[in-house]
Amino acid sequence: MKKQLLLAAAAFALAVPTAAQEAEPEGAPSPNQIVNAAPKEEWISIPAEDLLIMTLSPDANGESRTVTIQLMPAPFSQGWVENIRTFARAKWYDNITVNRVQDNYVVQWGDPNYDNPEAEGETKALPEGLHAIPEDCYKTDFGNNKCTFTVPNVMDLLTTAEAAAADAEASAISAGQALLDVYGNELPSIDIENTQTSTTKEGWHERDSYAPWVEFYAGWPVAAEQANTDWKFWPVHCYGMVGVGRSYSPDTGSGAELYTVIGHAPRHLDRNIALVGRIISGMENLSSLPRGSGALGFYTEEEFDKRTPILTVRVASDLPEDEQPLFEYLSTDSETFAKYADARANRRDPFFIAPAGGADICNIPVPVRPTPNG
């Protein structure tokens, strides 16, 4: 009996904070507190056309599972993004499955007969009107207009330089031009004083193992490098980013196979695979799925029942207005975001003792929230 009382007392001591810990000491605001204090005008609504609603089969308890994906805006990955809308509107994604869950890496979904050699069914025929996208569209200089598509099908369009040039003249990337108007041939000098060092004079922007410079553009994490006088930009693989599965080069993938990052940011994939969006709601419905025991986390023949069915995928703007989800993100050009990024790089709120002095760009997730009263 005495032993049981001692064990109970120990458990109680672990479960209840000490008196000194009950009241949080005063100090600098946390990143979340900074974001929560952002004025309404610093939040930007996400268009319904840029949202995908993916409905999974109910979980073991019969609870519904929904995942919301925000598609990437121009000028990044637009050929693939248009393909994904084509797949969704053709209802091609309906009744596919999650086929791969690799721990600390990715969850991948698509046609179960595509990657499963034991499957007896035929692969799904692809819808018409898909774009063929060249590898140089993994990056953009905001003037490479052949990576922005305005015609139904460019399978043949991209086979000749003349046709690609004609398409370039017909396309305009206003978002990219706006960035060039602001930046010119120099990247912005956004000083975060407390993250500057003798080797990283611009602070966390230069603290990257995979690119000379990292920045946020229109709410998205991007990296950049300079070749001669031109800058090249590309989106980066952070947690929750969505990419396009592909085979060996020169294949760049159509959008039939998609994946999301569920572990440490695999930045070595940057510029090697197209990124097309990010999960902004329901991530737990993918990251918690059972891991596959096959190569690269694919489910084996014996694990076929672990493949979670995907019932439907819809572009949000195609849903009835009262069913369209409303989300917004904190403007990455705002004063609040600058304070938030600084706080992520240097935690000064009461729990922390030593500010880190820097942050990986993937450790500064862009705040996204459901639109209040939406």
Protein backbone atom coordinates (compact mmCIF):
# COMPACT_ATOMS: atom_id res chain seq x y z
CA MET A 1 0.00 0.00 0.00
CA LYS A 2 2.83 2.39 0.89
CA LYS A 3 4.50 1.66 -2.48
CA GLN A 4 1.25 2.44 -4.29
CA LEU A 5 0.93 5.77 -2.45
CA LEU A 6 4.49 6.69 -3.37
CA LEU A 7 3.84 5.89 -7.05
CA ALA A 8 0.63 7.93 -7.00
CA ALA A 9 2.42 10.86 -5.39
CA ALA A 10 5.17 10.70 -8.00
CA ALA A 11 2.65 10.64 -10.83
CA PHE A 12 0.83 13.61 -9.30
CA ALA A 13 4.08 15.55 -9.01
CA LEU A 14 4.83 14.98 -12.71
CA ALA A 15 1.33 15.95 -13.79
CA VAL A 16 0.96 19.18 -11.79
CA PRO A 17 3.30 22.14 -12.38
CA THR A 18 5.09 23.69 -9.45
CA ALA A 19 3.80 26.95 -8.04
CA ALA A 20 6.68 28.79 -9.70
CA GLN A 21 5.59 27.44 -13.09
CA GLU A 22 1.85 28.09 -12.76
CA ALA A 23 2.11 31.77 -13.67
CA GLU A 24 3.97 32.38 -16.92
CA PRO A 25 6.64 35.00 -16.37
CA GLU A 26 6.38 38.22 -18.30
CA GLY A 27 8.57 38.64 -21.35
CA ALA A 28 8.63 39.24 -25.08
CA PRO A 29 5.63 37.96 -27.09
CA SER A 30 5.83 34.55 -28.72
CA PRO A 31 5.57 34.18 -32.52
CA ASN A 32 1.95 33.06 -32.14
CA GLN A 33 1.11 36.08 -30.00
CA ILE A 34 2.65 38.36 -32.63
CA VAL A 35 0.56 36.73 -35.36
CA ASN A 36 -2.63 36.86 -33.31
CA ALA A 37 -2.17 40.61 -32.89
CA ALA A 38 -1.86 41.24 -36.64
CA PRO A 39 -4.39 43.77 -37.93
CA LYS A 40 -7.09 42.53 -40.27
CA GLU A 41 -5.66 44.41 -43.26
CA GLU A 42 -2.45 42.35 -43.12
CA TRP A 43 -4.32 39.13 -43.91
CA ILE A 44 -4.81 38.15 -47.56
CA SER A 45 -7.72 35.98 -48.73
CA ILE A 46 -6.90 32.85 -50.73
CA PRO A 47 -9.02 32.58 -53.91
CA ALA A 48 -11.29 29.54 -54.07
CA GLU A 49 -9.76 28.76 -57.49
CA ASP A 50 -6.47 28.12 -55.67
CA LEU A 51 -7.92 25.61 -53.20
CA LEU A 52 -8.32 21.85 -53.62
CA ILE A 53 -10.63 19.93 -51.28
CA MET A 54 -9.54 16.29 -50.93
CA THR A 55 -11.95 13.97 -49.12
CA LEU A 56 -10.50 10.74 -47.74
CA SER A 57 -12.51 7.72 -46.65
CA PRO A 58 -13.71 7.93 -43.02
CA ASP A 59 -11.27 6.84 -40.32
CA ALA A 60 -11.64 3.73 -38.14
CA ASN A 61 -14.12 5.58 -35.92
CA GLY A 62 -16.24 6.65 -38.87
CA GLU A 63 -15.09 10.26 -38.65
CA SER A 64 -14.83 12.17 -41.93
CA ARG A 65 -11.39 13.27 -43.15
CA THR A 66 -10.76 16.28 -45.35
CA VAL A 67 -7.50 17.83 -46.58
CA THR A 68 -7.29 21.34 -48.05
CA ILE A 69 -4.48 22.14 -50.48
CA GLN A 70 -3.54 25.66 -51.54
CA LEU A 71 -2.20 25.68 -55.10
CA MET A 72 0.87 27.76 -55.90
CA PRO A 73 0.30 31.10 -57.65
CA ALA A 74 2.06 32.48 -60.73
CA PRO A 75 4.76 32.46 -61.80
CA PHE A 76 5.74 29.18 -60.12
CA SER A 77 4.87 25.72 -61.52
CA GLN A 78 1.85 26.96 -63.45
CA GLY A 79 1.88 24.18 -66.07
CA TRP A 80 1.59 21.55 -63.35
CA VAL A 81 -0.96 23.60 -61.41
CA GLU A 82 -3.17 23.84 -64.49
CA ASN A 83 -2.82 20.07 -64.98
CA ILE A 84 -3.95 19.48 -61.40
CA ARG A 85 -7.07 21.57 -61.93
CA THR A 86 -7.71 19.55 -65.12
CA PHE A 87 -7.37 16.27 -63.19
CA ALA A 88 -9.71 17.51 -60.45
CA ARG A 89 -12.34 18.85 -62.84
CA ALA A 90 -12.27 15.61 -64.84
CA LYS A 91 -12.81 13.80 -61.49
CA TRP A 92 -9.75 11.73 -62.32
CA TYR A 93 -8.55 11.85 -58.70
CA ASP A 94 -11.80 10.30 -57.44
CA ASN A 95 -11.30 6.79 -56.03
CA ILE A 96 -7.52 6.79 -56.19
CA THR A 97 -5.55 5.87 -53.04
CA VAL A 98 -2.66 6.80 -50.81
CA ASN A 99 0.02 4.40 -52.03
CA ARG A 100 3.14 5.39 -50.12
CA VAL A 101 3.86 6.61 -46.59
CA GLN A 102 7.57 6.87 -45.80
CA ASP A 103 8.38 7.87 -42.25
CA ASN A 104 9.97 11.31 -41.88
CA TYR A 105 9.68 11.88 -45.61
CA VAL A 106 6.50 11.88 -47.73
CA VAL A 107 2.94 10.68 -48.21
CA GLN A 108 2.16 9.98 -51.88
CA TRP A 109 -1.16 9.34 -53.61
CA GLY A 110 -2.35 8.41 -57.09
CA ASP A 111 -3.68 5.52 -59.18
CA PRO A 112 -3.12 2.31 -57.15
CA ASN A 113 -2.48 0.41 -60.38
CA TYR A 114 0.24 2.80 -61.48
CA ASP A 115 2.94 1.97 -58.94
CA ASN A 116 1.80 -1.45 -57.77
CA PRO A 117 3.27 -4.25 -59.92
CA GLU A 118 1.03 -6.83 -58.23
CA ALA A 119 -2.16 -4.99 -59.21
CA GLU A 120 -4.32 -6.69 -61.79
CA GLY A 121 -6.31 -3.63 -62.83
CA GLU A 122 -5.51 -1.29 -65.68
CA THR A 123 -4.04 2.13 -65.07
CA LYS A 124 -6.47 5.03 -65.38
CA ALA A 125 -6.45 6.82 -68.71
CA LEU A 126 -5.25 10.40 -68.33
CA PRO A 127 -7.68 13.22 -69.13
CA GLU A 128 -7.27 15.31 -72.23
CA GLY A 129 -5.77 18.79 -72.21
CA LEU A 130 -2.70 18.15 -70.05
CA HIS A 131 0.46 20.21 -70.41
CA ALA A 132 3.92 18.79 -71.02
CA ILE A 133 6.29 20.85 -68.90
CA PRO A 134 10.07 21.12 -69.48
CA GLU A 135 12.58 20.75 -66.66
CA ASP A 136 13.67 24.37 -66.76
CA CYS A 137 10.24 25.28 -65.38
CA TYR A 138 11.38 24.04 -61.96
CA LYS A 139 12.89 27.55 -61.70
CA THR A 140 11.77 30.95 -62.92
CA ASP A 141 13.40 34.25 -63.76
CA PHE A 142 9.96 35.89 -63.93
CA GLY A 143 10.42 36.25 -67.66
CA ASN A 144 10.40 32.59 -68.74
CA ASN A 145 6.84 32.74 -70.01
CA LYS A 146 6.86 29.34 -71.66
CA CYS A 147 6.26 28.03 -68.14
CA THR A 148 2.92 29.85 -67.95
CA PHE A 149 0.28 28.29 -70.15
CA THR A 150 -2.72 29.99 -71.67
CA VAL A 151 -3.74 27.36 -74.25
CA PRO A 152 -5.63 24.07 -73.66
CA ASN A 153 -2.79 21.75 -74.63
CA VAL A 154 0.91 22.42 -75.16
CA MET A 155 2.09 18.87 -75.84
CA ASP A 156 3.14 19.95 -79.32
CA LEU A 157 3.64 23.62 -78.55
CA LEU A 158 6.82 23.01 -76.60
CA THR A 159 8.45 20.86 -79.25
CA THR A 160 9.91 23.81 -81.14
CA ALA A 161 11.69 26.94 -80.00
CA GLU A 162 9.58 29.05 -82.38
CA ALA A 163 6.31 27.87 -80.86
CA ALA A 164 7.64 28.37 -77.34
CA ALA A 165 8.71 31.91 -78.25
CA ALA A 166 5.25 32.66 -79.64
CA ASP A 167 3.71 31.43 -76.41
CA ALA A 168 6.13 33.61 -74.46
CA GLU A 169 4.97 36.70 -76.34
CA ALA A 170 1.34 35.83 -75.68
CA SER A 171 1.83 35.33 -71.93
CA ALA A 172 2.43 37.90 -69.21
CA ILE A 173 3.55 37.18 -65.67
CA SER A 174 2.36 40.26 -63.85
CA ALA A 175 3.34 38.94 -60.44
CA GLY A 176 6.91 38.30 -61.56
CA GLN A 177 7.17 41.67 -63.26
CA ALA A 178 5.98 43.35 -60.10
CA LEU A 179 8.77 41.63 -58.18
CA LEU A 180 11.35 42.77 -60.73
CA ASP A 181 10.00 46.30 -60.55
CA VAL A 182 10.69 46.27 -56.83
CA TYR A 183 13.91 44.28 -56.73
CA GLY A 184 15.55 45.01 -60.08
CA ASN A 185 18.74 42.95 -60.34
CA GLU A 186 19.30 43.01 -56.59
CA LEU A 187 17.48 41.05 -53.95
CA PRO A 188 15.84 43.05 -51.16
CA SER A 189 18.04 44.09 -48.28
CA ILE A 190 15.70 43.18 -45.46
CA ASP A 191 17.85 43.49 -42.38
CA ILE A 192 16.93 41.57 -39.28
CA GLU A 193 19.49 43.09 -36.97
CA ASN A 194 19.50 40.35 -34.37
CA THR A 195 20.26 37.61 -36.90
CA GLN A 196 23.17 39.34 -38.64
CA THR A 197 26.69 37.98 -38.32
CA SER A 198 30.00 38.71 -40.01
CA THR A 199 29.29 36.01 -42.61
CA THR A 200 25.52 36.51 -42.96
CA LYS A 201 25.12 40.26 -43.19
CA GLU A 202 21.49 40.01 -44.23
CA GLY A 203 20.59 37.69 -41.36
CA TRP A 204 18.56 34.53 -41.84
CA HIS A 205 18.08 35.24 -45.58
CA GLU A 206 21.65 34.07 -46.17
CA ARG A 207 21.58 31.20 -43.68
CA ASP A 208 20.76 28.40 -46.08
CA SER A 209 22.65 25.25 -47.04
CA TYR A 210 20.92 24.87 -50.42
CA ALA A 211 20.79 28.36 -51.90
CA PRO A 212 22.64 31.68 -51.63
CA TRP A 213 19.41 33.44 -50.64
CA VAL A 214 16.00 32.54 -49.29
CA GLU A 215 12.95 34.77 -49.06
CA PHE A 216 9.16 34.79 -48.94
CA TYR A 217 7.30 35.83 -52.07
CA ALA A 218 3.54 36.35 -52.06
CA GLY A 219 3.22 34.10 -49.02
CA TRP A 220 5.49 31.28 -50.21
CA PRO A 221 9.04 30.24 -49.22
CA VAL A 222 11.40 30.55 -52.18
CA ALA A 223 15.12 30.32 -52.81
CA ALA A 224 17.25 32.19 -55.32
CA GLU A 225 20.62 32.25 -57.01
CA GLN A 226 22.26 34.68 -59.39
CA ALA A 227 23.68 33.63 -62.78
CA ASN A 228 25.53 36.52 -64.43
CA THR A 229 23.07 39.38 -63.91
CA ASP A 230 19.89 37.28 -63.78
CA TRP A 231 18.26 35.82 -60.70
CA LYS A 232 16.58 32.42 -60.72
CA PHE A 233 13.88 31.63 -58.15
CA TRP A 234 12.31 28.36 -57.07
CA PRO A 235 9.93 27.17 -54.31
CA VAL A 236 11.41 25.01 -51.55
CA HIS A 237 10.45 21.72 -49.91
CA CYS A 238 9.18 22.59 -46.45
CA TYR A 239 6.86 20.53 -44.25
CA GLY A 240 3.42 20.23 -45.84
CA MET A 241 4.49 21.30 -49.33
CA VAL A 242 2.86 19.35 -52.17
CA GLY A 243 4.90 18.12 -55.15
CA VAL A 244 4.48 16.15 -58.38
CA GLY A 245 5.74 12.57 -58.54
CA ARG A 246 7.76 11.68 -61.63
CA SER A 247 9.95 9.02 -63.20
CA TYR A 248 13.51 9.50 -64.47
CA SER A 249 14.53 12.64 -66.39
CA PRO A 250 13.35 14.06 -68.76
CA ASP A 251 9.96 13.10 -67.30
CA THR A 252 8.64 15.93 -65.09
CA GLY A 253 5.35 14.36 -64.06
CA SER A 254 1.85 15.30 -65.11
CA GLY A 255 0.22 15.73 -61.71
CA ALA A 256 -1.30 12.26 -61.63
CA GLU A 257 0.99 11.36 -58.73
CA LEU A 258 1.20 13.88 -55.87
CA TYR A 259 2.97 13.84 -52.52
CA THR A 260 3.34 15.97 -49.41
CA VAL A 261 6.30 16.33 -47.06
CA ILE A 262 5.64 14.84 -43.60
CA GLY A 263 9.12 15.06 -42.14
CA HIS A 264 12.30 17.08 -42.07
CA ALA A 265 12.41 19.38 -45.10
CA PRO A 266 13.98 17.37 -48.01
CA ARG A 267 15.58 20.42 -49.59
CA HIS A 268 17.75 18.22 -51.84
CA LEU A 269 14.59 17.79 -53.93
CA ASP A 270 14.45 21.51 -54.73
CA ARG A 271 14.75 22.16 -58.48
CA ASN A 272 14.48 18.41 -59.10
CA ILE A 273 10.73 17.98 -58.66
CA ALA A 274 7.88 20.42 -59.26
CA LEU A 275 6.26 21.92 -56.18
CA VAL A 276 2.64 22.91 -56.74
CA GLY A 277 1.14 23.81 -53.38
CA ARG A 278 0.90 23.15 -49.66
CA ILE A 279 -1.46 21.56 -47.16
CA ILE A 280 -3.22 24.27 -45.16
CA SER A 281 -5.80 22.14 -43.35
CA GLY A 282 -6.16 18.46 -42.43
CA MET A 283 -2.45 17.62 -42.47
CA GLU A 284 -2.99 15.26 -39.55
CA ASN A 285 -5.15 13.07 -41.79
CA LEU A 286 -2.09 12.31 -43.93
CA SER A 287 0.84 12.47 -41.51
CA SER A 288 -0.80 9.94 -39.16
CA LEU A 289 -1.37 7.22 -41.80
CA PRO A 290 0.30 3.81 -41.33
CA ARG A 291 3.80 3.57 -42.79
CA GLY A 292 4.44 1.24 -45.70
CA SER A 293 7.03 -1.50 -45.30
CA GLY A 294 7.97 -1.72 -48.98
CA ALA A 295 10.79 0.14 -50.71
CA LEU A 296 10.54 3.91 -50.15
CA GLY A 297 7.51 3.38 -47.94
CA PHE A 298 5.25 1.93 -50.64
CA TYR A 299 2.61 -0.48 -49.41
CA THR A 300 3.36 -4.09 -50.31
CA GLU A 301 0.89 -6.56 -51.80
CA GLU A 302 0.11 -7.80 -48.28
CA GLU A 303 -0.53 -4.22 -47.17
CA PHE A 304 -2.99 -3.32 -49.91
CA ASP A 305 -5.73 -2.74 -47.33
CA LYS A 306 -3.61 0.04 -45.79
CA ARG A 307 -4.05 2.18 -48.88
CA THR A 308 -6.39 4.94 -47.78
CA PRO A 309 -9.03 5.62 -50.46
CA ILE A 310 -9.39 9.19 -51.71
CA LEU A 311 -13.08 9.63 -52.44
CA THR A 312 -13.09 12.99 -54.21
CA VAL A 313 -10.87 15.96 -55.07
CA ARG A 314 -12.57 19.21 -56.05
CA VAL A 315 -11.48 22.73 -56.94
CA ALA A 316 -13.15 24.83 -54.25
CA SER A 317 -14.52 27.37 -56.72
CA ASP A 318 -16.53 24.56 -58.36
CA LEU A 319 -18.42 23.86 -55.12
CA PRO A 320 -21.64 25.64 -54.11
CA GLU A 321 -20.76 28.98 -52.58
CA ASP A 322 -21.89 27.98 -49.09
CA GLU A 323 -19.59 24.93 -49.22
CA GLN A 324 -16.46 26.80 -50.29
CA PRO A 325 -13.87 27.00 -47.50
CA LEU A 326 -12.45 30.44 -46.75
CA PHE A 327 -8.81 30.82 -45.77
CA GLU A 328 -6.34 33.68 -45.55
CA TYR A 329 -2.60 34.01 -45.00
CA LEU A 330 -0.53 36.64 -43.25
CA SER A 331 1.06 38.92 -45.85
CA THR A 332 4.76 38.16 -45.99
CA ASP A 333 5.35 41.82 -46.89
CA SER A 334 3.69 43.03 -43.71
CA GLU A 335 5.25 44.57 -40.62
CA THR A 336 3.76 41.81 -38.49
CA PHE A 337 5.39 39.08 -40.61
CA ALA A 338 8.80 40.78 -40.25
CA LYS A 339 8.36 40.76 -36.47
CA TYR A 340 7.13 37.17 -36.59
CA ALA A 341 10.14 36.01 -38.66
CA ASP A 342 12.51 37.76 -36.27
CA ALA A 343 10.80 36.09 -33.32
CA ARG A 344 11.11 32.67 -34.97
CA ALA A 345 14.83 33.31 -35.51
CA ASN A 346 15.32 34.61 -31.96
CA ARG A 347 12.88 33.21 -29.41
CA ARG A 348 12.75 35.71 -26.55
CA ASP A 349 9.48 34.58 -24.95
CA PRO A 350 9.79 33.35 -21.34
CA PHE A 351 10.45 29.63 -21.94
CA PHE A 352 13.61 30.24 -24.00
CA ILE A 353 17.04 30.95 -22.58
CA ALA A 354 19.37 31.41 -25.57
CA PRO A 355 18.12 32.97 -28.85
CA ALA A 356 19.23 30.87 -31.82
CA GLY A 357 20.46 33.81 -33.87
CA GLY A 358 18.98 32.47 -37.08
CA ALA A 359 16.34 30.26 -38.64
CA ASP A 360 15.95 27.89 -41.54
CA ILE A 361 13.31 29.26 -43.92
CA CYS A 362 11.23 26.13 -43.30
CA ASN A 363 11.23 27.00 -39.61
CA ILE A 364 9.29 30.18 -40.43
CA PRO A 365 5.98 28.69 -41.62
CA VAL A 366 3.65 31.24 -43.19
CA PRO A 367 0.60 31.65 -40.92
CA VAL A 368 -2.65 30.50 -42.57
CA ARG A 369 -6.04 30.52 -40.88
CA PRO A 370 -9.73 30.06 -41.70
CA THR A 371 -11.24 33.43 -42.51
CA PRO A 372 -12.89 34.78 -39.34
CA ASN A 373 -16.69 34.63 -39.62
CA GLY A 374 -16.29 33.12 -43.06
